[in-house]
Amino acid sequence: MNRLKNPSFQSKENLFVPYIMAGDPSIEASIDIALTLQEAGVDALEWGVPFSDPLADGPIIQEAGERSRKRGMTLTKAIEGVKIARKKGLTIPIVLFTYINPVLAVGEEKVITLMKEAEIDGLLIPDLPVEESDTIRALCHEVDISLISLVTLSSQTRMEKICRHGDGFLYFVSSLGVTGTRDTFSEDLGQSINAVKNLTSVPVLVGFGISKREHVQYFNGISDGVIVGSALVKLIAEKNKALSDEHLKEVALKEIKEFVVQMIS
């Protein structure tokens, strides 16, 4: 069963979904981090795939992607990494975060097949407009994989269309631009998020810029949960050397776990 559609995910309050870059600093370390995040109590995980032109990513995630690419990470290797993680005990929902060009290069049907074999629950393609998503959406639907939609404030008609296709959860973009840490958010976000929630039956999670416990608490009050990327990816970057050292890895993983537990609590 698609874990994102499980009632334990769909009905849970204050969902917390972190993002990490597969292959930074190595696929082995990424798997260790994923298992550590599961121990910390996260509700799902976005598994990022490096890409040469990541239009939605801020500098922190771009740098992580570049490190991962230089170490040979690809879309198919990232999917295989999830398969290995599942065998090692990863049970939380996994959302593959990639761009459309790598998917087209490998082949849409092949990518979806590989994802299903790896027990990946969702797919998020930030540069795939809802108007051009029918083919991939149909392929995902055939094997019970959720195609996650990004939603921003736009025309009522377009918002309704995006929300109508909501599957797994909707990713509400908190601000225009790229991912990254921020100190302030628009005062109108509560009203905007509520408008989206009224158009869908799936959880509405907020992402882009959430980097502090205070941010998490704020958005938990006006949405169904949060997605945290750059702040965690930055911490992982700081621990890169330790994560690559068998003698230091456990300490680094413990610090990553403590960071996430503090964000959630």
C-alpha atoms as a PDB file:
ATOM      1  CA  MET A   1       0.000   0.000   0.000  1.00  0.00           C
ATOM      2  CA  ASN A   2       1.070   3.562  -0.665  1.00  0.00           C
ATOM      3  CA  ARG A   3       2.226   4.690   2.789  1.00  0.00           C
ATOM      4  CA  LEU A   4       1.226   8.309   2.104  1.00  0.00           C
ATOM      5  CA  LYS A   5      -2.394   7.178   1.791  1.00  0.00           C
ATOM      6  CA  ASN A   6      -2.334   5.325   5.079  1.00  0.00           C
ATOM      7  CA  PRO A   7      -4.757   6.877   7.609  1.00  0.00           C
ATOM      8  CA  SER A   8      -1.875   7.169  10.067  1.00  0.00           C
ATOM      9  CA  PHE A   9      -0.306   9.731   7.712  1.00  0.00           C
ATOM     10  CA  GLN A  10      -3.437  11.325   6.282  1.00  0.00           C
ATOM     11  CA  SER A  11      -5.041  12.057   9.637  1.00  0.00           C
ATOM     12  CA  LYS A  12      -1.960  12.925  11.682  1.00  0.00           C
ATOM     13  CA  GLU A  13      -1.552  16.478  12.935  1.00  0.00           C
ATOM     14  CA  ASN A  14       1.712  18.397  12.709  1.00  0.00           C
ATOM     15  CA  LEU A  15       3.317  16.275  10.001  1.00  0.00           C
ATOM     16  CA  PHE A  16       7.082  16.725   9.720  1.00  0.00           C
ATOM     17  CA  VAL A  17       8.745  15.822   6.424  1.00  0.00           C
ATOM     18  CA  PRO A  18      12.481  16.507   5.957  1.00  0.00           C
ATOM     19  CA  TYR A  19      14.371  16.650   2.668  1.00  0.00           C
ATOM     20  CA  ILE A  20      17.841  15.220   2.097  1.00  0.00           C
ATOM     21  CA  MET A  21      20.023  14.980  -1.003  1.00  0.00           C
ATOM     22  CA  ALA A  22      20.707  11.376  -1.981  1.00  0.00           C
ATOM     23  CA  GLY A  23      24.439  10.764  -2.265  1.00  0.00           C
ATOM     24  CA  ASP A  24      25.642  13.630  -0.092  1.00  0.00           C
ATOM     25  CA  PRO A  25      28.182  12.749   1.181  1.00  0.00           C
ATOM     26  CA  SER A  26      27.583   9.190  -0.124  1.00  0.00           C
ATOM     27  CA  ILE A  27      24.648   6.884  -0.776  1.00  0.00           C
ATOM     28  CA  GLU A  28      25.651   4.838   2.271  1.00  0.00           C
ATOM     29  CA  ALA A  29      25.593   7.932   4.451  1.00  0.00           C
ATOM     30  CA  SER A  30      22.255   9.013   2.964  1.00  0.00           C
ATOM     31  CA  ILE A  31      20.750   5.671   3.921  1.00  0.00           C
ATOM     32  CA  ASP A  32      22.149   6.018   7.452  1.00  0.00           C
ATOM     33  CA  ILE A  33      20.673   9.526   7.655  1.00  0.00           C
ATOM     34  CA  ALA A  34      17.278   8.304   6.429  1.00  0.00           C
ATOM     35  CA  LEU A  35      17.191   5.604   9.093  1.00  0.00           C
ATOM     36  CA  THR A  36      18.261   8.154  11.709  1.00  0.00           C
ATOM     37  CA  LEU A  37      15.475  10.516  10.668  1.00  0.00           C
ATOM     38  CA  GLN A  38      13.013   7.662  11.006  1.00  0.00           C
ATOM     39  CA  GLU A  39      14.295   7.072  14.557  1.00  0.00           C
ATOM     40  CA  ALA A  40      13.834  10.780  15.247  1.00  0.00           C
ATOM     41  CA  GLY A  41      10.136  10.455  14.481  1.00  0.00           C
ATOM     42  CA  VAL A  42       9.688  12.099  11.078  1.00  0.00           C
ATOM     43  CA  ASP A  43       6.496  11.214   9.222  1.00  0.00           C
ATOM     44  CA  ALA A  44       7.938  10.872   5.706  1.00  0.00           C
ATOM     45  CA  LEU A  45      11.094  11.758   3.793  1.00  0.00           C
ATOM     46  CA  GLU A  46      11.808  13.649   0.579  1.00  0.00           C
ATOM     47  CA  TRP A  47      14.686  11.917  -1.194  1.00  0.00           C
ATOM     48  CA  GLY A  48      16.362  14.455  -3.472  1.00  0.00           C
ATOM     49  CA  VAL A  49      18.057  13.643  -6.766  1.00  0.00           C
ATOM     50  CA  PRO A  50      20.892  15.913  -7.953  1.00  0.00           C
ATOM     51  CA  PHE A  51      20.330  17.821 -11.196  1.00  0.00           C
ATOM     52  CA  SER A  52      22.516  20.219 -13.159  1.00  0.00           C
ATOM     53  CA  ASP A  53      19.872  22.958 -13.426  1.00  0.00           C
ATOM     54  CA  PRO A  54      17.734  22.804 -10.267  1.00  0.00           C
ATOM     55  CA  LEU A  55      15.475  25.819 -10.756  1.00  0.00           C
ATOM     56  CA  ALA A  56      13.597  25.442  -7.451  1.00  0.00           C
ATOM     57  CA  ASP A  57      16.657  24.866  -5.273  1.00  0.00           C
ATOM     58  CA  GLY A  58      18.469  27.521  -3.303  1.00  0.00           C
ATOM     59  CA  PRO A  59      22.272  27.619  -2.922  1.00  0.00           C
ATOM     60  CA  ILE A  60      22.501  25.150  -0.025  1.00  0.00           C
ATOM     61  CA  ILE A  61      20.654  22.393  -1.868  1.00  0.00           C
ATOM     62  CA  GLN A  62      22.384  23.284  -5.147  1.00  0.00           C
ATOM     63  CA  GLU A  63      25.764  22.780  -3.485  1.00  0.00           C
ATOM     64  CA  ALA A  64      24.640  19.462  -2.008  1.00  0.00           C
ATOM     65  CA  GLY A  65      23.456  18.388  -5.446  1.00  0.00           C
ATOM     66  CA  GLU A  66      26.769  19.332  -7.007  1.00  0.00           C
ATOM     67  CA  ARG A  67      28.683  17.305  -4.426  1.00  0.00           C
ATOM     68  CA  SER A  68      26.380  14.367  -5.040  1.00  0.00           C
ATOM     69  CA  ARG A  69      26.706  14.610  -8.832  1.00  0.00           C
ATOM     70  CA  LYS A  70      30.503  14.702  -8.614  1.00  0.00           C
ATOM     71  CA  ARG A  71      30.359  11.446  -6.679  1.00  0.00           C
ATOM     72  CA  GLY A  72      28.388   9.805  -9.468  1.00  0.00           C
ATOM     73  CA  MET A  73      24.825   9.997  -8.159  1.00  0.00           C
ATOM     74  CA  THR A  74      22.090   9.617 -10.774  1.00  0.00           C
ATOM     75  CA  LEU A  75      18.336   9.216 -10.769  1.00  0.00           C
ATOM     76  CA  THR A  76      18.503   5.430 -11.085  1.00  0.00           C
ATOM     77  CA  LYS A  77      21.184   5.149  -8.390  1.00  0.00           C
ATOM     78  CA  ALA A  78      19.092   7.311  -6.076  1.00  0.00           C
ATOM     79  CA  ILE A  79      16.098   5.026  -6.579  1.00  0.00           C
ATOM     80  CA  GLU A  80      18.295   1.994  -5.930  1.00  0.00           C
ATOM     81  CA  GLY A  81      19.419   3.663  -2.697  1.00  0.00           C
ATOM     82  CA  VAL A  82      15.832   3.668  -1.438  1.00  0.00           C
ATOM     83  CA  LYS A  83      15.556  -0.019  -2.292  1.00  0.00           C
ATOM     84  CA  ILE A  84      18.610  -0.724  -0.142  1.00  0.00           C
ATOM     85  CA  ALA A  85      17.254   1.484   2.660  1.00  0.00           C
ATOM     86  CA  ARG A  86      13.990  -0.460   2.663  1.00  0.00           C
ATOM     87  CA  LYS A  87      15.922  -3.702   3.119  1.00  0.00           C
ATOM     88  CA  LYS A  88      17.726  -2.103   6.061  1.00  0.00           C
ATOM     89  CA  GLY A  89      14.490  -1.243   7.818  1.00  0.00           C
ATOM     90  CA  LEU A  90      13.235   2.065   6.393  1.00  0.00           C
ATOM     91  CA  THR A  91       9.438   1.968   6.689  1.00  0.00           C
ATOM     92  CA  ILE A  92       8.331   5.619   6.505  1.00  0.00           C
ATOM     93  CA  PRO A  93       6.831   7.032   3.288  1.00  0.00           C
ATOM     94  CA  ILE A  94       9.417   8.162   0.728  1.00  0.00           C
ATOM     95  CA  VAL A  95       8.863  10.893  -1.866  1.00  0.00           C
ATOM     96  CA  LEU A  96      11.343  11.067  -4.741  1.00  0.00           C
ATOM     97  CA  PHE A  97      12.189  14.707  -5.510  1.00  0.00           C
ATOM     98  CA  THR A  98      13.589  15.129  -9.008  1.00  0.00           C
ATOM     99  CA  TYR A  99      13.302  17.262 -12.137  1.00  0.00           C
ATOM    100  CA  ILE A 100      11.615  16.350 -15.389  1.00  0.00           C
ATOM    101  CA  ASN A 101      14.727  16.119 -17.612  1.00  0.00           C
ATOM    102  CA  PRO A 102      16.298  13.164 -15.738  1.00  0.00           C
ATOM    103  CA  VAL A 103      12.927  11.394 -15.799  1.00  0.00           C
ATOM    104  CA  LEU A 104      12.594  11.864 -19.554  1.00  0.00           C
ATOM    105  CA  ALA A 105      16.209  10.799 -20.104  1.00  0.00           C
ATOM    106  CA  VAL A 106      15.656   7.498 -18.312  1.00  0.00           C
ATOM    107  CA  GLY A 107      12.096   7.102 -19.576  1.00  0.00           C
ATOM    108  CA  GLU A 108       8.896   7.826 -17.679  1.00  0.00           C
ATOM    109  CA  GLU A 109       7.647   4.235 -17.598  1.00  0.00           C
ATOM    110  CA  LYS A 110      11.031   2.880 -16.515  1.00  0.00           C
ATOM    111  CA  VAL A 111      11.357   5.438 -13.725  1.00  0.00           C
ATOM    112  CA  ILE A 112       7.911   4.624 -12.351  1.00  0.00           C
ATOM    113  CA  THR A 113       8.639   0.894 -12.563  1.00  0.00           C
ATOM    114  CA  LEU A 114      11.927   1.307 -10.700  1.00  0.00           C
ATOM    115  CA  MET A 115      10.214   3.473  -8.085  1.00  0.00           C
ATOM    116  CA  LYS A 116       7.567   0.835  -7.481  1.00  0.00           C
ATOM    117  CA  GLU A 117      10.232  -1.863  -7.112  1.00  0.00           C
ATOM    118  CA  ALA A 118      12.000   0.328  -4.545  1.00  0.00           C
ATOM    119  CA  GLU A 119       8.733   0.898  -2.616  1.00  0.00           C
ATOM    120  CA  ILE A 120       8.798   4.651  -3.189  1.00  0.00           C
ATOM    121  CA  ASP A 121       5.428   6.168  -2.334  1.00  0.00           C
ATOM    122  CA  GLY A 122       5.458   9.559  -4.014  1.00  0.00           C
ATOM    123  CA  LEU A 123       7.025  11.573  -6.810  1.00  0.00           C
ATOM    124  CA  LEU A 124       7.556  15.337  -6.790  1.00  0.00           C
ATOM    125  CA  ILE A 125       8.734  17.109  -9.958  1.00  0.00           C
ATOM    126  CA  PRO A 126       8.861  20.867  -9.287  1.00  0.00           C
ATOM    127  CA  ASP A 127       9.312  21.882 -12.934  1.00  0.00           C
ATOM    128  CA  LEU A 128       6.394  19.794 -14.204  1.00  0.00           C
ATOM    129  CA  PRO A 129       3.307  22.038 -14.530  1.00  0.00           C
ATOM    130  CA  VAL A 130      -0.020  20.435 -13.691  1.00  0.00           C
ATOM    131  CA  GLU A 131      -1.106  21.151 -17.266  1.00  0.00           C
ATOM    132  CA  GLU A 132       1.627  18.831 -18.588  1.00  0.00           C
ATOM    133  CA  SER A 133       1.427  16.121 -15.934  1.00  0.00           C
ATOM    134  CA  ASP A 134      -1.286  13.822 -17.324  1.00  0.00           C
ATOM    135  CA  THR A 135       1.056  11.147 -18.712  1.00  0.00           C
ATOM    136  CA  ILE A 136       3.183  10.771 -15.592  1.00  0.00           C
ATOM    137  CA  ARG A 137       0.132  11.073 -13.354  1.00  0.00           C
ATOM    138  CA  ALA A 138      -1.521   8.176 -15.176  1.00  0.00           C
ATOM    139  CA  LEU A 139       1.629   6.041 -14.881  1.00  0.00           C
ATOM    140  CA  CYS A 140       1.824   6.796 -11.163  1.00  0.00           C
ATOM    141  CA  HIS A 141      -1.842   6.041 -10.674  1.00  0.00           C
ATOM    142  CA  GLU A 142      -1.460   2.609 -12.292  1.00  0.00           C
ATOM    143  CA  VAL A 143       1.004   1.505  -9.596  1.00  0.00           C
ATOM    144  CA  ASP A 144      -0.402   3.511  -6.663  1.00  0.00           C
ATOM    145  CA  ILE A 145       2.344   6.131  -6.475  1.00  0.00           C
ATOM    146  CA  SER A 146       1.293   9.658  -5.498  1.00  0.00           C
ATOM    147  CA  LEU A 147       2.298  12.481  -7.827  1.00  0.00           C
ATOM    148  CA  ILE A 148       2.771  15.321  -5.356  1.00  0.00           C
ATOM    149  CA  SER A 149       1.733  18.775  -6.529  1.00  0.00           C
ATOM    150  CA  LEU A 150       3.270  22.109  -5.624  1.00  0.00           C
ATOM    151  CA  VAL A 151       0.698  24.801  -5.011  1.00  0.00           C
ATOM    152  CA  THR A 152       1.173  28.549  -4.897  1.00  0.00           C
ATOM    153  CA  LEU A 153      -1.308  31.367  -4.915  1.00  0.00           C
ATOM    154  CA  SER A 154      -2.529  31.758  -8.473  1.00  0.00           C
ATOM    155  CA  SER A 155      -5.845  32.066 -10.256  1.00  0.00           C
ATOM    156  CA  GLN A 156      -8.776  30.393  -8.543  1.00  0.00           C
ATOM    157  CA  THR A 157      -9.271  28.094 -11.541  1.00  0.00           C
ATOM    158  CA  ARG A 158      -5.658  26.910 -11.538  1.00  0.00           C
ATOM    159  CA  MET A 159      -5.598  26.429  -7.756  1.00  0.00           C
ATOM    160  CA  GLU A 160      -8.756  24.358  -7.983  1.00  0.00           C
ATOM    161  CA  LYS A 161      -7.207  22.190 -10.710  1.00  0.00           C
ATOM    162  CA  ILE A 162      -4.030  21.573  -8.703  1.00  0.00           C
ATOM    163  CA  CYS A 163      -5.969  20.803  -5.540  1.00  0.00           C
ATOM    164  CA  ARG A 164      -8.328  18.508  -7.419  1.00  0.00           C
ATOM    165  CA  HIS A 165      -5.299  16.406  -8.365  1.00  0.00           C
ATOM    166  CA  GLY A 166      -3.989  16.393  -4.779  1.00  0.00           C
ATOM    167  CA  ASP A 167      -2.591  12.965  -3.947  1.00  0.00           C
ATOM    168  CA  GLY A 168      -0.673  12.002  -0.816  1.00  0.00           C
ATOM    169  CA  PHE A 169      -0.299  15.624   0.215  1.00  0.00           C
ATOM    170  CA  LEU A 170      -0.057  19.080  -1.299  1.00  0.00           C
ATOM    171  CA  TYR A 171       3.204  21.012  -1.030  1.00  0.00           C
ATOM    172  CA  PHE A 172       2.306  24.647  -0.339  1.00  0.00           C
ATOM    173  CA  VAL A 173       5.144  26.977  -1.316  1.00  0.00           C
ATOM    174  CA  SER A 174       5.498  29.550   1.456  1.00  0.00           C
ATOM    175  CA  SER A 175       7.167  32.206  -0.686  1.00  0.00           C
ATOM    176  CA  LEU A 176       8.162  32.950  -4.236  1.00  0.00           C
ATOM    177  CA  GLY A 177      11.680  32.095  -5.391  1.00  0.00           C
ATOM    178  CA  VAL A 178      13.872  29.152  -4.479  1.00  0.00           C
ATOM    179  CA  THR A 179      14.340  27.028  -1.375  1.00  0.00           C
ATOM    180  CA  GLY A 180      16.494  28.316   1.462  1.00  0.00           C
ATOM    181  CA  THR A 181      16.325  29.522   5.044  1.00  0.00           C
ATOM    182  CA  ARG A 182      14.285  32.636   5.866  1.00  0.00           C
ATOM    183  CA  ASP A 183      13.535  34.731   8.939  1.00  0.00           C
ATOM    184  CA  THR A 184      10.094  36.077   8.057  1.00  0.00           C
ATOM    185  CA  PHE A 185       7.019  35.003   6.118  1.00  0.00           C
ATOM    186  CA  SER A 186       4.009  36.825   4.703  1.00  0.00           C
ATOM    187  CA  GLU A 187       1.316  37.708   7.227  1.00  0.00           C
ATOM    188  CA  ASP A 188      -1.305  36.510   4.729  1.00  0.00           C
ATOM    189  CA  LEU A 189      -0.091  32.907   4.686  1.00  0.00           C
ATOM    190  CA  GLY A 190      -2.692  31.640   7.135  1.00  0.00           C
ATOM    191  CA  GLN A 191      -5.541  32.851   4.950  1.00  0.00           C
ATOM    192  CA  SER A 192      -3.864  31.490   1.808  1.00  0.00           C
ATOM    193  CA  ILE A 193      -3.233  28.057   3.316  1.00  0.00           C
ATOM    194  CA  ASN A 194      -6.789  27.888   4.585  1.00  0.00           C
ATOM    195  CA  ALA A 195      -8.058  28.619   1.081  1.00  0.00           C
ATOM    196  CA  VAL A 196      -6.048  25.669  -0.254  1.00  0.00           C
ATOM    197  CA  LYS A 197      -7.183  23.386   2.574  1.00  0.00           C
ATOM    198  CA  ASN A 198     -10.791  24.143   1.644  1.00  0.00           C
ATOM    199  CA  LEU A 199     -10.120  22.863  -1.887  1.00  0.00           C
ATOM    200  CA  THR A 200      -8.576  19.490  -1.029  1.00  0.00           C
ATOM    201  CA  SER A 201      -9.019  16.446   1.186  1.00  0.00           C
ATOM    202  CA  VAL A 202      -5.294  15.632   1.519  1.00  0.00           C
ATOM    203  CA  PRO A 203      -2.873  17.232   4.020  1.00  0.00           C
ATOM    204  CA  VAL A 204      -1.413  20.612   3.090  1.00  0.00           C
ATOM    205  CA  LEU A 205       2.252  20.857   4.077  1.00  0.00           C
ATOM    206  CA  VAL A 206       4.237  24.078   3.935  1.00  0.00           C
ATOM    207  CA  GLY A 207       7.799  24.262   2.624  1.00  0.00           C
ATOM    208  CA  PHE A 208      10.471  26.727   1.433  1.00  0.00           C
ATOM    209  CA  GLY A 209      12.364  28.592   4.138  1.00  0.00           C
ATOM    210  CA  ILE A 210      11.359  26.698   7.266  1.00  0.00           C
ATOM    211  CA  SER A 211      14.521  26.405   9.322  1.00  0.00           C
ATOM    212  CA  LYS A 212      13.698  26.970  12.996  1.00  0.00           C
ATOM    213  CA  ARG A 213      11.593  25.336  15.690  1.00  0.00           C
ATOM    214  CA  GLU A 214       9.590  28.562  15.887  1.00  0.00           C
ATOM    215  CA  HIS A 215       8.774  28.286  12.167  1.00  0.00           C
ATOM    216  CA  VAL A 216       7.592  24.713  12.641  1.00  0.00           C
ATOM    217  CA  GLN A 217       5.353  25.708  15.549  1.00  0.00           C
ATOM    218  CA  TYR A 218       3.914  28.638  13.606  1.00  0.00           C
ATOM    219  CA  PHE A 219       3.048  26.611  10.519  1.00  0.00           C
ATOM    220  CA  ASN A 220       1.695  23.726  12.583  1.00  0.00           C
ATOM    221  CA  GLY A 221      -0.918  26.211  13.755  1.00  0.00           C
ATOM    222  CA  ILE A 222      -2.121  27.103  10.252  1.00  0.00           C
ATOM    223  CA  SER A 223      -1.377  24.003   8.150  1.00  0.00           C
ATOM    224  CA  ASP A 224      -1.165  20.224   8.426  1.00  0.00           C
ATOM    225  CA  GLY A 225       2.609  20.214   8.796  1.00  0.00           C
ATOM    226  CA  VAL A 226       5.926  21.308   7.371  1.00  0.00           C
ATOM    227  CA  ILE A 227       8.719  20.320   5.005  1.00  0.00           C
ATOM    228  CA  VAL A 228      12.252  21.204   6.103  1.00  0.00           C
ATOM    229  CA  GLY A 229      15.052  21.058   3.561  1.00  0.00           C
ATOM    230  CA  SER A 230      17.860  23.616   3.477  1.00  0.00           C
ATOM    231  CA  ALA A 231      18.393  23.795   7.239  1.00  0.00           C
ATOM    232  CA  LEU A 232      18.889  20.027   7.442  1.00  0.00           C
ATOM    233  CA  VAL A 233      20.958  19.829   4.248  1.00  0.00           C
ATOM    234  CA  LYS A 234      23.215  22.556   5.651  1.00  0.00           C
ATOM    235  CA  LEU A 235      23.758  20.561   8.845  1.00  0.00           C
ATOM    236  CA  ILE A 236      24.554  17.445   6.825  1.00  0.00           C
ATOM    237  CA  ALA A 237      27.089  19.459   4.806  1.00  0.00           C
ATOM    238  CA  GLU A 238      28.769  20.538   8.033  1.00  0.00           C
ATOM    239  CA  LYS A 239      28.982  16.879   9.088  1.00  0.00           C
ATOM    240  CA  ASN A 240      30.149  15.560   5.703  1.00  0.00           C
ATOM    241  CA  LYS A 241      33.628  14.533   6.823  1.00  0.00           C
ATOM    242  CA  ALA A 242      32.366  12.893   9.992  1.00  0.00           C
ATOM    243  CA  LEU A 243      29.633  11.047   8.104  1.00  0.00           C
ATOM    244  CA  SER A 244      32.317   9.590   5.841  1.00  0.00           C
ATOM    245  CA  ASP A 245      34.423   8.394   8.780  1.00  0.00           C
ATOM    246  CA  GLU A 246      33.371   5.139  10.438  1.00  0.00           C
ATOM    247  CA  HIS A 247      34.839   6.307  13.758  1.00  0.00           C
ATOM    248  CA  LEU A 248      32.938   9.620  13.738  1.00  0.00           C
ATOM    249  CA  LYS A 249      29.746   8.709  11.890  1.00  0.00           C
ATOM    250  CA  GLU A 250      27.651   7.728  14.911  1.00  0.00           C
ATOM    251  CA  VAL A 251      28.296  11.040  16.643  1.00  0.00           C
ATOM    252  CA  ALA A 252      27.324  12.955  13.500  1.00  0.00           C
ATOM    253  CA  LEU A 253      24.143  10.939  13.098  1.00  0.00           C
ATOM    254  CA  LYS A 254      23.273  11.573  16.739  1.00  0.00           C
ATOM    255  CA  GLU A 255      23.638  15.330  16.181  1.00  0.00           C
ATOM    256  CA  ILE A 256      21.390  15.154  13.117  1.00  0.00           C
ATOM    257  CA  LYS A 257      18.802  13.248  15.121  1.00  0.00           C
ATOM    258  CA  GLU A 258      18.948  15.778  17.959  1.00  0.00           C
ATOM    259  CA  PHE A 259      18.479  18.649  15.481  1.00  0.00           C
ATOM    260  CA  VAL A 260      15.315  17.061  14.090  1.00  0.00           C
ATOM    261  CA  VAL A 261      13.911  16.040  17.484  1.00  0.00           C
ATOM    262  CA  GLN A 262      14.360  19.619  18.656  1.00  0.00           C
ATOM    263  CA  MET A 263      12.512  20.908  15.576  1.00  0.00           C
ATOM    264  CA  ILE A 264       9.609  18.526  16.120  1.00  0.00           C
ATOM    265  CA  SER A 265       9.218  18.913  19.895  1.00  0.00           C
END
